[in-house]
Amino acid sequence: MVNTISSTAAIVTTLRNAGAVLDSFVAYHRAIGFEHLFLFFDDPADPDLPRAQAMPGVTAIPHDAGLRETWRTLPGYRRFGQSVDGEVMSRQLLNVEHAMGLARARGIGWLLNIDADELFFAPNEGVGEHFASLAGTSLETVSYLNYEAVPEREAIDDYFREVDLFKLPFGPVQQHLAAPLARAQQVTPQLKPFFHFYANGKSAVRLTQQPPQPVSVHLFRHEAGATRAATSARQFVLHYACCGFETFWTKYATLGRFADRWWNQYEIAASIGTFHLEARDVVTGGHRDEALAFYRGRVAIADANRAEALIREGLLTRFDQPRRIIEQARRM
């Protein structure tokens, strides 16, 4: 049976070293209509944790012995429990499963799983309207295609307020703009590959008594039987990956020399290309000048004329709504 408060929605995020952008992340999502945010701090000594614990509409949970005991009670622990120390995504998925129970106990109808460098983007309607429109359907999970941000300089503090240039979702580009993309890649190495990270979106799950479970950081699915799922054409996720050199450096310094495969099984290069591995290697090499050259040549598009040309070709676009929403919310 579907929850009676099926139009309310919450967010679950596992994070580390978010810094100043955490305030914008929370302010934005509360402003657009999310009922609650469940923030799991992967480092229990994270300096942002006390600040998050004082925020209204936020449950902030440290990765401590208590959380690890809770993981052991979850069905997903059978699959992910053996890899929680080596795979951040295993911890993420168990945190999502835990948050599903916490959100259901609050009477919340839907739970969206995104990262702390992402924003849910509904340009034409509010969050409440969107999830209310699903109330009369049998959908159990909805996926949202992602745009990937393009930084235009190396010094960025709050990328949610300073970055507004994005690569369009991967599918439409492949279908309709293959030729312009191929031409652009010849002179713009920042577009090789077009998306540096994932291109298959993120998802929300309906919190019924027997909802589909997280099977990856992107999808929810029933272990047995069909899952009633859809992809939204009107709402998206904005992914602000590696926006600013210090963010780029901190991300890969924190990740360290991770393996070439997720869960020692899935080849990263085959799944999303080689950028993630190249970035790992250049940062763990320890030479900031080499890492900065990599960031300038492979991540940021500092040439304003080039950026505008890519917009005209239909490969990039700009969104300033998040900045405006955050600035208004933080003034209140």
Protein backbone atom coordinates (compact mmCIF):
# COMPACT_ATOMS: atom_id res chain seq x y z
CA MET A 1 0.00 0.00 0.00
CA VAL A 2 1.30 3.46 -0.93
CA ASN A 3 1.91 5.95 1.88
CA THR A 4 -0.93 8.40 2.42
CA ILE A 5 1.55 11.31 2.41
CA SER A 6 2.87 10.26 -0.98
CA SER A 7 3.72 13.75 -2.28
CA THR A 8 6.36 14.47 0.36
CA ALA A 9 9.97 13.69 -0.47
CA ALA A 10 13.34 13.51 1.27
CA ILE A 11 16.96 13.25 0.17
CA VAL A 12 19.66 10.85 1.32
CA THR A 13 23.33 11.73 0.83
CA THR A 14 26.61 10.23 1.95
CA LEU A 15 29.26 12.94 2.12
CA ARG A 16 32.74 13.89 3.22
CA ASN A 17 34.62 17.21 3.15
CA ALA A 18 31.64 19.15 1.75
CA GLY A 19 32.72 22.42 3.36
CA ALA A 20 30.93 25.63 2.48
CA VAL A 21 28.77 24.08 -0.26
CA LEU A 22 26.89 22.04 2.35
CA ASP A 23 24.90 25.11 3.42
CA SER A 24 23.90 25.81 -0.18
CA PHE A 25 23.02 22.15 -0.78
CA VAL A 26 20.65 22.10 2.19
CA ALA A 27 19.22 25.58 1.60
CA TYR A 28 18.47 24.85 -2.05
CA HIS A 29 16.69 21.55 -1.49
CA ARG A 30 14.67 22.84 1.43
CA ALA A 31 13.68 25.90 -0.63
CA ILE A 32 12.38 23.84 -3.57
CA GLY A 33 10.23 21.67 -1.34
CA PHE A 34 12.06 18.65 0.05
CA GLU A 35 10.66 17.74 3.44
CA HIS A 36 13.85 16.39 4.98
CA LEU A 37 17.50 15.56 4.28
CA PHE A 38 19.32 12.54 5.71
CA LEU A 39 23.05 13.29 5.65
CA PHE A 40 25.46 10.46 6.41
CA PHE A 41 28.93 11.75 7.27
CA ASP A 42 31.46 9.17 6.10
CA ASP A 43 34.08 10.69 8.40
CA PRO A 44 32.71 10.86 11.97
CA ALA A 45 35.20 13.65 12.73
CA ASP A 46 34.02 15.76 9.77
CA PRO A 47 34.06 19.40 10.94
CA ASP A 48 30.77 20.01 9.11
CA LEU A 49 28.89 17.46 11.22
CA PRO A 50 27.99 19.71 14.20
CA ARG A 51 26.76 22.43 11.85
CA ALA A 52 24.59 19.97 9.95
CA GLN A 53 23.15 18.54 13.17
CA ALA A 54 21.87 22.02 14.04
CA MET A 55 20.15 22.60 10.69
CA PRO A 56 16.34 22.42 10.60
CA GLY A 57 14.95 19.68 8.42
CA VAL A 58 18.20 17.68 8.56
CA THR A 59 19.15 14.40 10.21
CA ALA A 60 22.96 14.19 10.31
CA ILE A 61 24.39 10.74 11.09
CA PRO A 62 28.10 10.00 11.60
CA HIS A 63 29.80 6.84 10.36
CA ASP A 64 30.43 5.38 13.80
CA ALA A 65 30.01 2.08 15.61
CA GLY A 66 26.28 2.66 16.03
CA LEU A 67 25.74 3.11 12.31
CA ARG A 68 27.80 0.02 11.51
CA GLU A 69 25.63 -2.00 13.89
CA THR A 70 22.53 -0.69 12.12
CA TRP A 71 23.97 -1.76 8.77
CA ARG A 72 24.18 -5.32 10.07
CA THR A 73 20.40 -5.40 10.54
CA LEU A 74 19.66 -4.43 6.94
CA PRO A 75 18.89 -6.96 4.19
CA GLY A 76 21.50 -5.32 1.94
CA TYR A 77 24.26 -6.18 4.39
CA ARG A 78 24.37 -9.70 2.95
CA ARG A 79 25.49 -8.24 -0.36
CA PHE A 80 27.52 -5.18 0.65
CA GLY A 81 28.68 -5.86 4.19
CA GLN A 82 31.96 -7.50 3.25
CA SER A 83 33.08 -4.49 1.21
CA VAL A 84 32.07 -1.55 3.43
CA ASP A 85 35.66 -0.71 4.35
CA GLY A 86 37.01 -0.70 0.81
CA GLU A 87 34.06 0.51 -1.29
CA VAL A 88 32.42 3.85 -0.57
CA MET A 89 29.45 2.83 -2.72
CA SER A 90 28.76 -0.11 -0.39
CA ARG A 91 28.48 2.34 2.49
CA GLN A 92 26.30 4.62 0.38
CA LEU A 93 23.88 1.84 -0.48
CA LEU A 94 23.52 0.72 3.12
CA ASN A 95 22.97 4.34 4.16
CA VAL A 96 20.23 4.63 1.54
CA GLU A 97 18.56 1.50 2.87
CA HIS A 98 18.74 2.84 6.43
CA ALA A 99 17.35 6.21 5.34
CA MET A 100 14.41 4.50 3.63
CA GLY A 101 13.28 3.24 7.03
CA LEU A 102 13.91 6.57 8.74
CA ALA A 103 11.96 8.45 6.07
CA ARG A 104 9.05 6.01 6.10
CA ALA A 105 8.82 6.39 9.88
CA ARG A 106 8.37 10.13 9.33
CA GLY A 107 5.50 9.52 6.89
CA ILE A 108 7.56 10.65 3.90
CA GLY A 109 6.45 9.21 0.58
CA TRP A 110 9.58 9.34 -1.60
CA LEU A 111 13.35 9.24 -1.09
CA LEU A 112 15.86 10.60 -3.61
CA ASN A 113 19.47 9.38 -3.52
CA ILE A 114 21.99 11.99 -4.71
CA ASP A 115 25.50 13.11 -3.80
CA ALA A 116 26.56 16.30 -2.04
CA ASP A 117 27.81 17.76 -5.34
CA GLU A 118 24.41 17.36 -7.00
CA LEU A 119 21.15 19.28 -7.09
CA PHE A 120 17.68 18.09 -8.01
CA PHE A 121 16.48 20.37 -10.81
CA ALA A 122 12.78 20.81 -11.56
CA PRO A 123 12.65 23.92 -13.76
CA ASN A 124 8.91 23.90 -14.44
CA GLU A 125 7.30 22.78 -11.17
CA GLY A 126 7.98 22.39 -7.49
CA VAL A 127 9.09 19.21 -5.77
CA GLY A 128 5.69 18.79 -4.12
CA GLU A 129 3.89 19.14 -7.44
CA HIS A 130 6.15 16.61 -9.09
CA PHE A 131 5.71 13.91 -6.48
CA ALA A 132 2.00 14.70 -6.13
CA SER A 133 1.65 14.01 -9.85
CA LEU A 134 2.91 10.47 -9.17
CA ALA A 135 0.36 9.78 -6.44
CA GLY A 136 -2.18 8.28 -8.79
CA THR A 137 0.33 6.08 -10.58
CA SER A 138 1.69 2.66 -9.71
CA LEU A 139 5.31 3.78 -10.16
CA GLU A 140 7.74 2.55 -7.52
CA THR A 141 10.84 4.39 -8.69
CA VAL A 142 11.61 7.32 -10.99
CA SER A 143 14.97 8.09 -12.60
CA TYR A 144 16.27 11.55 -13.51
CA LEU A 145 18.81 12.16 -16.26
CA ASN A 146 21.83 14.19 -15.24
CA TYR A 147 23.56 17.25 -16.63
CA GLU A 148 27.31 17.48 -15.91
CA ALA A 149 28.71 20.85 -14.89
CA VAL A 150 31.60 22.53 -16.71
CA PRO A 151 33.72 24.86 -14.55
CA GLU A 152 35.11 27.90 -16.33
CA ARG A 153 37.95 28.74 -13.93
CA GLU A 154 40.12 27.08 -11.32
CA ALA A 155 39.28 29.20 -8.24
CA ILE A 156 35.74 28.30 -7.14
CA ASP A 157 34.40 28.35 -3.58
CA ASP A 158 30.69 27.50 -3.78
CA TYR A 159 30.14 25.83 -7.13
CA PHE A 160 26.38 25.76 -6.64
CA ARG A 161 26.42 29.57 -6.82
CA GLU A 162 29.37 30.05 -9.18
CA VAL A 163 28.94 27.44 -11.93
CA ASP A 164 26.08 27.58 -14.42
CA LEU A 165 27.45 25.83 -17.54
CA PHE A 166 26.41 22.21 -18.19
CA LYS A 167 26.79 19.39 -20.67
CA LEU A 168 23.41 18.13 -21.84
CA PRO A 169 22.24 14.65 -20.80
CA PHE A 170 24.18 12.01 -22.65
CA GLY A 171 21.34 10.25 -24.47
CA PRO A 172 19.99 13.24 -26.45
CA VAL A 173 23.52 14.24 -27.47
CA GLN A 174 24.28 10.80 -28.81
CA GLN A 175 21.04 10.64 -30.74
CA HIS A 176 20.84 14.11 -32.23
CA LEU A 177 24.20 15.82 -31.98
CA ALA A 178 26.72 13.10 -32.73
CA ALA A 179 28.32 15.03 -35.61
CA PRO A 180 28.71 18.37 -33.74
CA LEU A 181 30.10 16.49 -30.76
CA ALA A 182 32.66 14.67 -32.87
CA ARG A 183 33.80 17.98 -34.37
CA ALA A 184 33.94 19.68 -30.98
CA GLN A 185 36.01 16.90 -29.46
CA GLN A 186 38.74 17.48 -32.03
CA VAL A 187 39.48 20.92 -30.56
CA THR A 188 38.08 20.62 -27.02
CA PRO A 189 39.81 17.89 -24.97
CA GLN A 190 37.53 18.75 -22.04
CA LEU A 191 34.78 16.92 -23.97
CA LYS A 192 36.72 13.66 -24.37
CA PRO A 193 34.80 11.73 -23.18
CA PHE A 194 31.72 13.93 -23.24
CA PHE A 195 30.77 13.06 -19.65
CA HIS A 196 33.68 12.36 -17.30
CA PHE A 197 31.49 10.52 -14.81
CA TYR A 198 28.14 8.76 -14.92
CA ALA A 199 25.50 9.52 -17.53
CA ASN A 200 22.64 7.27 -16.40
CA GLY A 201 21.02 9.60 -13.87
CA LYS A 202 19.90 9.16 -10.27
CA SER A 203 16.63 7.82 -8.83
CA ALA A 204 13.95 8.28 -6.21
CA VAL A 205 12.06 5.39 -4.60
CA ARG A 206 8.49 5.26 -3.36
CA LEU A 207 8.44 4.26 0.30
CA THR A 208 5.80 1.58 0.33
CA GLN A 209 5.96 -1.21 2.88
CA GLN A 210 7.87 -3.35 0.37
CA PRO A 211 9.72 -0.91 -1.85
CA PRO A 212 12.39 -1.82 -4.40
CA GLN A 213 15.86 -1.77 -2.85
CA PRO A 214 19.00 0.13 -3.91
CA VAL A 215 21.04 -2.07 -6.25
CA SER A 216 23.44 0.68 -7.29
CA VAL A 217 23.84 4.38 -6.51
CA HIS A 218 21.67 4.99 -9.57
CA LEU A 219 18.83 2.46 -9.34
CA PHE A 220 16.26 0.79 -7.11
CA ARG A 221 14.94 -2.62 -8.07
CA HIS A 222 13.06 -5.58 -6.61
CA GLU A 223 15.22 -8.64 -6.12
CA ALA A 224 12.45 -10.80 -7.57
CA GLY A 225 9.68 -9.69 -9.88
CA ALA A 226 9.19 -6.61 -12.00
CA THR A 227 9.85 -3.08 -10.77
CA ARG A 228 7.45 -0.38 -11.93
CA ALA A 229 9.87 2.31 -13.08
CA ALA A 230 9.99 5.37 -15.32
CA THR A 231 12.41 8.11 -16.38
CA SER A 232 11.26 11.69 -15.95
CA ALA A 233 11.35 14.03 -18.94
CA ARG A 234 10.85 17.20 -16.88
CA GLN A 235 13.10 16.87 -13.83
CA PHE A 236 16.85 16.31 -13.76
CA VAL A 237 19.96 16.11 -11.59
CA LEU A 238 22.71 18.72 -11.95
CA HIS A 239 26.10 17.15 -11.23
CA TYR A 240 28.77 19.66 -10.20
CA ALA A 241 31.68 17.24 -10.48
CA CYS A 242 35.20 18.61 -9.79
CA CYS A 243 34.18 22.26 -9.99
CA GLY A 244 37.26 24.18 -8.88
CA PHE A 245 40.81 22.92 -8.67
CA GLU A 246 40.81 22.60 -4.89
CA THR A 247 37.61 20.54 -5.06
CA PHE A 248 39.18 18.36 -7.74
CA TRP A 249 42.39 17.89 -5.72
CA THR A 250 40.56 17.18 -2.45
CA LYS A 251 38.24 14.65 -4.09
CA TYR A 252 41.03 12.49 -5.46
CA ALA A 253 43.35 12.97 -2.51
CA THR A 254 40.53 11.68 -0.29
CA LEU A 255 39.73 8.75 -2.58
CA GLY A 256 43.39 7.80 -2.74
CA ARG A 257 44.74 5.06 -5.00
CA PHE A 258 41.50 3.17 -5.49
CA ALA A 259 41.36 0.05 -7.66
CA ASP A 260 40.66 0.01 -11.39
CA ARG A 261 37.48 -1.95 -10.71
CA TRP A 262 34.46 -1.27 -8.53
CA TRP A 263 33.93 -4.16 -6.10
CA ASN A 264 36.88 -5.85 -7.84
CA GLN A 265 34.42 -6.74 -10.58
CA TYR A 266 33.30 -3.84 -12.78
CA GLU A 267 35.94 -2.16 -14.94
CA ILE A 268 35.79 1.61 -14.31
CA ALA A 269 37.29 2.51 -17.68
CA ALA A 270 34.79 0.32 -19.52
CA SER A 271 31.91 1.83 -17.55
CA ILE A 272 32.65 5.57 -17.64
CA GLY A 273 35.90 6.03 -19.55
CA THR A 274 39.42 6.65 -18.30
CA PHE A 275 39.08 10.17 -16.84
CA HIS A 276 38.39 8.96 -13.28
CA LEU A 277 41.50 6.78 -13.31
CA GLU A 278 43.68 9.45 -14.92
CA ALA A 279 42.56 11.97 -12.31
CA ARG A 280 43.38 9.47 -9.56
CA ASP A 281 46.86 8.94 -10.94
CA VAL A 282 47.72 12.60 -11.41
CA VAL A 283 46.60 13.58 -7.90
CA THR A 284 48.03 10.60 -6.04
CA GLY A 285 51.29 11.35 -7.83
CA GLY A 286 51.48 14.29 -5.45
CA HIS A 287 52.52 17.02 -7.90
CA ARG A 288 50.02 19.88 -7.73
CA ASP A 289 51.44 21.58 -10.81
CA GLU A 290 50.78 18.46 -12.91
CA ALA A 291 47.32 18.12 -11.40
CA LEU A 292 46.56 21.78 -12.15
CA ALA A 293 47.64 21.34 -15.76
CA PHE A 294 45.34 18.29 -15.98
CA TYR A 295 42.44 20.27 -14.51
CA ARG A 296 42.98 23.14 -16.95
CA GLY A 297 43.29 20.88 -19.97
CA ARG A 298 40.69 18.23 -19.22
CA VAL A 299 38.10 19.78 -16.90
CA ALA A 300 37.68 23.57 -17.09
CA ILE A 301 36.74 25.48 -20.23
CA ALA A 302 38.19 28.90 -19.49
CA ASP A 303 37.75 30.28 -23.02
CA ALA A 304 34.42 32.14 -22.91
CA ASN A 305 34.18 32.22 -26.71
CA ARG A 306 34.63 28.47 -26.89
CA ALA A 307 31.98 27.93 -24.26
CA GLU A 308 29.49 30.10 -26.14
CA ALA A 309 30.26 28.27 -29.40
CA LEU A 310 29.49 24.95 -27.72
CA ILE A 311 26.22 26.40 -26.45
CA ARG A 312 25.29 27.44 -29.99
CA GLU A 313 26.12 23.94 -31.22
CA GLY A 314 23.66 22.51 -28.68
CA LEU A 315 26.22 20.62 -26.61
CA LEU A 316 26.22 22.89 -23.55
CA THR A 317 23.63 25.04 -21.84
CA ARG A 318 23.38 27.44 -18.90
CA PHE A 319 21.11 27.34 -15.85
CA ASP A 320 21.09 30.22 -13.39
CA GLN A 321 18.02 29.11 -11.40
CA PRO A 322 19.98 27.23 -8.71
CA ARG A 323 22.13 30.28 -7.94
CA ARG A 324 19.10 32.52 -7.64
CA ILE A 325 17.21 30.05 -5.43
CA ILE A 326 20.19 29.59 -3.11
CA GLU A 327 20.92 33.30 -2.79
CA GLN A 328 17.30 34.02 -1.95
CA ALA A 329 17.08 31.13 0.51
CA ARG A 330 20.28 32.09 2.32
CA ARG A 331 19.09 35.68 2.73
CA MET A 332 16.02 34.52 4.64
